[in-house]
């Protein structure tokens, strides 16, 4: 690799690739699998937290979210309870191909 001093990225090509139908389907499928897994491991008292877990789409991105007011406490815990790390565990699950 001697003599290479830099790389020129083709940002237009990268944007086009991320907007390709196959890539968008993979993003949506991954988000849906993540949402479903997060719901399956979510603690349930009233069901509000579990039912608040959904997908937020923004252009060519999708993220798994919860809009429950108490979601940060469930994820990270408080001085009175340990965090459940639902989203962290979901990410680990997706990264392992669904084996974690």
Protein backbone atom coordinates (compact mmCIF):
# COMPACT_ATOMS: atom_id res chain seq x y z
CA UNK A 1 0.00 0.00 0.00
CA UNK A 2 3.00 2.28 -0.27
CA UNK A 3 2.20 5.45 -2.12
CA UNK A 4 -1.49 5.64 -1.21
CA UNK A 5 -2.09 8.88 0.62
CA UNK A 6 -5.87 9.10 0.71
CA UNK A 7 -9.19 7.71 -0.39
CA UNK A 8 -11.88 9.64 -2.20
CA UNK A 9 -15.36 8.43 -1.22
CA UNK A 10 -18.21 8.59 -3.71
CA UNK A 11 -20.90 9.90 -1.34
CA UNK A 12 -23.57 9.93 -4.06
CA UNK A 13 -22.97 6.25 -4.76
CA UNK A 14 -23.08 5.44 -1.05
CA UNK A 15 -26.40 7.29 -0.67
CA UNK A 16 -27.80 5.48 -3.71
CA UNK A 17 -26.75 2.14 -2.26
CA UNK A 18 -28.40 2.81 1.11
CA UNK A 19 -31.62 3.75 -0.67
CA UNK A 20 -31.66 0.58 -2.77
CA UNK A 21 -34.80 -1.48 -2.24
CA UNK A 22 -32.88 -4.55 -1.04
CA UNK A 23 -31.00 -2.52 1.57
CA UNK A 24 -34.20 -0.81 2.73
CA UNK A 25 -35.89 -4.20 3.10
CA UNK A 26 -32.96 -5.46 5.18
CA UNK A 27 -33.09 -2.36 7.41
CA UNK A 28 -36.84 -2.76 7.93
CA UNK A 29 -36.54 -6.50 8.59
CA UNK A 30 -33.78 -5.95 11.15
CA UNK A 31 -35.79 -3.22 12.89
CA UNK A 32 -38.87 -5.44 13.05
CA UNK A 33 -36.89 -8.38 14.44
CA UNK A 34 -35.32 -6.06 17.00
CA UNK A 35 -38.67 -4.60 18.02
CA UNK A 36 -40.17 -8.05 18.40
CA UNK A 37 -37.24 -9.31 20.47
CA UNK A 38 -37.27 -6.21 22.70
CA UNK A 39 -40.98 -6.68 23.32
CA UNK A 40 -40.44 -10.36 24.13
CA UNK A 41 -37.90 -9.59 26.88
CA UNK A 42 -39.53 -6.41 28.21
CA UNK A 43 -40.76 -6.51 31.78
CA UNK A 44 -44.54 -6.41 31.99
CA UNK A 45 -46.54 -4.87 34.78
CA UNK A 46 -49.29 -3.01 32.95
CA UNK A 47 -47.89 -3.69 29.47
CA UNK A 48 -47.42 0.02 28.77
CA UNK A 49 -43.63 -0.20 28.41
CA UNK A 50 -43.72 -3.33 26.24
CA UNK A 51 -46.43 -1.89 24.02
CA UNK A 52 -44.54 1.40 23.64
CA UNK A 53 -41.59 -0.29 21.93
CA UNK A 54 -41.77 0.49 18.25
CA UNK A 55 -39.85 1.54 15.16
CA UNK A 56 -39.04 5.13 14.19
CA UNK A 57 -38.13 5.54 10.54
CA UNK A 58 -36.19 8.52 9.22
CA UNK A 59 -35.26 8.44 5.57
CA UNK A 60 -33.08 5.41 5.02
CA UNK A 61 -32.69 4.70 8.73
CA UNK A 62 -34.82 2.88 11.28
CA UNK A 63 -34.40 2.70 15.03
CA UNK A 64 -36.09 0.77 17.79
CA UNK A 65 -37.51 3.13 20.40
CA UNK A 66 -39.83 3.39 23.38
CA UNK A 67 -41.83 6.53 24.04
CA UNK A 68 -42.86 5.46 27.56
CA UNK A 69 -41.91 8.10 30.12
CA UNK A 70 -40.28 5.47 32.30
CA UNK A 71 -38.23 3.84 29.50
CA UNK A 72 -34.88 5.32 30.65
CA UNK A 73 -35.45 3.92 34.13
CA UNK A 74 -36.24 0.47 32.77
CA UNK A 75 -33.14 0.57 30.55
CA UNK A 76 -30.59 2.10 32.92
CA UNK A 77 -32.16 1.58 36.34
CA UNK A 78 -32.39 3.87 39.35
CA UNK A 79 -30.82 3.85 42.76
CA UNK A 80 -33.68 1.56 43.79
CA UNK A 81 -33.59 -0.94 40.91
CA UNK A 82 -31.14 -2.33 38.42
CA UNK A 83 -31.55 -1.54 34.75
CA UNK A 84 -33.06 -4.18 32.50
CA UNK A 85 -30.95 -3.11 29.48
CA UNK A 86 -33.68 -4.09 27.03
CA UNK A 87 -32.23 -2.13 24.13
CA UNK A 88 -28.66 -3.14 24.92
CA UNK A 89 -29.66 -6.80 25.03
CA UNK A 90 -31.62 -6.37 21.81
CA UNK A 91 -28.57 -4.95 20.07
CA UNK A 92 -26.48 -7.88 21.30
CA UNK A 93 -29.18 -10.26 20.04
CA UNK A 94 -29.22 -8.67 16.57
CA UNK A 95 -25.42 -8.52 16.35
CA UNK A 96 -25.19 -12.24 17.15
CA UNK A 97 -27.64 -13.08 14.39
CA UNK A 98 -30.40 -13.85 16.88
CA UNK A 99 -28.37 -16.24 19.02
CA UNK A 100 -27.77 -14.11 22.11
